[in-house]
Amino acid sequence: MRQFTYTIKDDLGIHARPAGLLVRLSSKYNSQITLAKDKKTADAKKIFSVMSLGVRYNETITVAVQGSDETEAADALKSFFETSL
């Protein structure tokens, strides 16, 4: 399993547009991808699940990737967060 944390730098947090892009990117991979904030977790392949976390500016999330293509998926997600959020 690959895991990393990221602090959101977008003033609006994870809102609809980047959440949709995140779900689209996550869906390209076979690995299970979860986001966690506080004690809540979300499936990164489901838009309502991602939005339900309510991640705001300057909050830290943990991204966990587990599966056959976890290294590639984790690298792509880390890049996505750094450029989009």
C-alpha atoms as a PDB file:
ATOM      1  CA  MET A   1       0.000   0.000   0.000  1.00  0.00           C
ATOM      2  CA  ARG A   2       1.188   3.520  -0.874  1.00  0.00           C
ATOM      3  CA  GLN A   3       0.097   6.415   1.272  1.00  0.00           C
ATOM      4  CA  PHE A   4       0.755  10.160   1.456  1.00  0.00           C
ATOM      5  CA  THR A   5      -0.680  13.233   3.117  1.00  0.00           C
ATOM      6  CA  TYR A   6      -1.488  16.526   1.470  1.00  0.00           C
ATOM      7  CA  THR A   7      -2.586  19.897   2.815  1.00  0.00           C
ATOM      8  CA  ILE A   8      -5.158  21.576   0.545  1.00  0.00           C
ATOM      9  CA  LYS A   9      -3.960  24.903  -0.848  1.00  0.00           C
ATOM     10  CA  ASP A  10      -7.015  25.783  -2.973  1.00  0.00           C
ATOM     11  CA  ASP A  11      -8.999  28.565  -1.255  1.00  0.00           C
ATOM     12  CA  LEU A  12     -12.244  26.698  -1.952  1.00  0.00           C
ATOM     13  CA  GLY A  13     -11.017  23.301  -0.741  1.00  0.00           C
ATOM     14  CA  ILE A  14     -12.087  20.218  -2.662  1.00  0.00           C
ATOM     15  CA  HIS A  15     -15.117  21.631  -4.472  1.00  0.00           C
ATOM     16  CA  ALA A  16     -17.108  20.176  -7.373  1.00  0.00           C
ATOM     17  CA  ARG A  17     -14.726  20.795 -10.280  1.00  0.00           C
ATOM     18  CA  PRO A  18     -11.527  19.346  -8.756  1.00  0.00           C
ATOM     19  CA  ALA A  19     -13.538  16.569  -7.104  1.00  0.00           C
ATOM     20  CA  GLY A  20     -14.830  15.529 -10.531  1.00  0.00           C
ATOM     21  CA  LEU A  21     -11.322  15.584 -11.960  1.00  0.00           C
ATOM     22  CA  LEU A  22     -10.063  13.552  -8.995  1.00  0.00           C
ATOM     23  CA  VAL A  23     -12.769  10.924  -9.493  1.00  0.00           C
ATOM     24  CA  ARG A  24     -12.033  10.737 -13.223  1.00  0.00           C
ATOM     25  CA  LEU A  25      -8.297  10.264 -12.558  1.00  0.00           C
ATOM     26  CA  SER A  26      -8.862   7.712  -9.782  1.00  0.00           C
ATOM     27  CA  SER A  27     -11.199   5.680 -11.992  1.00  0.00           C
ATOM     28  CA  LYS A  28      -8.395   5.051 -14.480  1.00  0.00           C
ATOM     29  CA  TYR A  29      -6.659   2.759 -12.008  1.00  0.00           C
ATOM     30  CA  ASN A  30      -7.516  -0.719 -10.762  1.00  0.00           C
ATOM     31  CA  SER A  31      -6.230   0.029  -7.263  1.00  0.00           C
ATOM     32  CA  GLN A  32      -8.514   0.910  -4.393  1.00  0.00           C
ATOM     33  CA  ILE A  33      -8.045   4.609  -3.583  1.00  0.00           C
ATOM     34  CA  THR A  34      -9.318   6.156  -0.377  1.00  0.00           C
ATOM     35  CA  LEU A  35      -9.172   9.651   1.057  1.00  0.00           C
ATOM     36  CA  ALA A  36      -9.282  10.230   4.796  1.00  0.00           C
ATOM     37  CA  LYS A  37      -9.878  13.372   6.838  1.00  0.00           C
ATOM     38  CA  ASP A  38     -10.186  13.225  10.598  1.00  0.00           C
ATOM     39  CA  LYS A  39     -12.047   9.950  11.157  1.00  0.00           C
ATOM     40  CA  LYS A  40     -13.994   9.956   7.878  1.00  0.00           C
ATOM     41  CA  THR A  41     -12.963   8.081   4.751  1.00  0.00           C
ATOM     42  CA  ALA A  42     -14.106   8.308   1.155  1.00  0.00           C
ATOM     43  CA  ASP A  43     -13.814   6.230  -1.996  1.00  0.00           C
ATOM     44  CA  ALA A  44     -11.914   8.453  -4.460  1.00  0.00           C
ATOM     45  CA  LYS A  45     -13.827   6.884  -7.360  1.00  0.00           C
ATOM     46  CA  LYS A  46     -17.216   8.207  -6.169  1.00  0.00           C
ATOM     47  CA  ILE A  47     -17.995  11.925  -6.409  1.00  0.00           C
ATOM     48  CA  PHE A  48     -20.527  12.017  -3.565  1.00  0.00           C
ATOM     49  CA  SER A  49     -18.139  10.147  -1.307  1.00  0.00           C
ATOM     50  CA  VAL A  50     -15.335  12.655  -2.012  1.00  0.00           C
ATOM     51  CA  MET A  51     -17.636  15.653  -1.534  1.00  0.00           C
ATOM     52  CA  SER A  52     -18.992  14.243   1.735  1.00  0.00           C
ATOM     53  CA  LEU A  53     -15.583  14.728   3.370  1.00  0.00           C
ATOM     54  CA  GLY A  54     -16.071  18.498   3.165  1.00  0.00           C
ATOM     55  CA  VAL A  55     -12.351  19.191   2.796  1.00  0.00           C
ATOM     56  CA  ARG A  56     -11.565  22.888   3.120  1.00  0.00           C
ATOM     57  CA  TYR A  57      -8.569  25.140   2.614  1.00  0.00           C
ATOM     58  CA  ASN A  58      -5.544  24.268   4.770  1.00  0.00           C
ATOM     59  CA  GLU A  59      -6.966  20.916   5.917  1.00  0.00           C
ATOM     60  CA  THR A  60      -4.816  17.816   5.580  1.00  0.00           C
ATOM     61  CA  ILE A  61      -6.025  14.597   3.989  1.00  0.00           C
ATOM     62  CA  THR A  62      -4.430  11.180   3.736  1.00  0.00           C
ATOM     63  CA  VAL A  63      -4.516   9.376   0.398  1.00  0.00           C
ATOM     64  CA  ALA A  64      -4.119   5.588   0.468  1.00  0.00           C
ATOM     65  CA  VAL A  65      -3.686   3.496  -2.672  1.00  0.00           C
ATOM     66  CA  GLN A  66      -3.695  -0.289  -2.649  1.00  0.00           C
ATOM     67  CA  GLY A  67      -3.635  -2.643  -5.614  1.00  0.00           C
ATOM     68  CA  SER A  68      -1.800  -3.862  -8.661  1.00  0.00           C
ATOM     69  CA  ASP A  69      -1.011  -0.391 -10.052  1.00  0.00           C
ATOM     70  CA  GLU A  70      -0.626   1.438  -6.737  1.00  0.00           C
ATOM     71  CA  THR A  71       2.752   3.021  -7.478  1.00  0.00           C
ATOM     72  CA  GLU A  72       1.613   4.546 -10.756  1.00  0.00           C
ATOM     73  CA  ALA A  73      -1.717   5.647  -9.249  1.00  0.00           C
ATOM     74  CA  ALA A  74      -0.136   7.208  -6.158  1.00  0.00           C
ATOM     75  CA  ASP A  75       2.364   9.144  -8.264  1.00  0.00           C
ATOM     76  CA  ALA A  76      -0.399  10.447 -10.547  1.00  0.00           C
ATOM     77  CA  LEU A  77      -2.597  11.442  -7.603  1.00  0.00           C
ATOM     78  CA  LYS A  78       0.240  13.202  -5.814  1.00  0.00           C
ATOM     79  CA  SER A  79       0.962  15.193  -8.965  1.00  0.00           C
ATOM     80  CA  PHE A  80      -2.746  16.005  -9.338  1.00  0.00           C
ATOM     81  CA  PHE A  81      -3.017  17.339  -5.801  1.00  0.00           C
ATOM     82  CA  GLU A  82       0.132  19.439  -6.177  1.00  0.00           C
ATOM     83  CA  THR A  83      -1.055  21.072  -9.400  1.00  0.00           C
ATOM     84  CA  SER A  84      -4.828  21.277  -8.831  1.00  0.00           C
ATOM     85  CA  LEU A  85      -5.448  21.550  -5.113  1.00  0.00           C
END
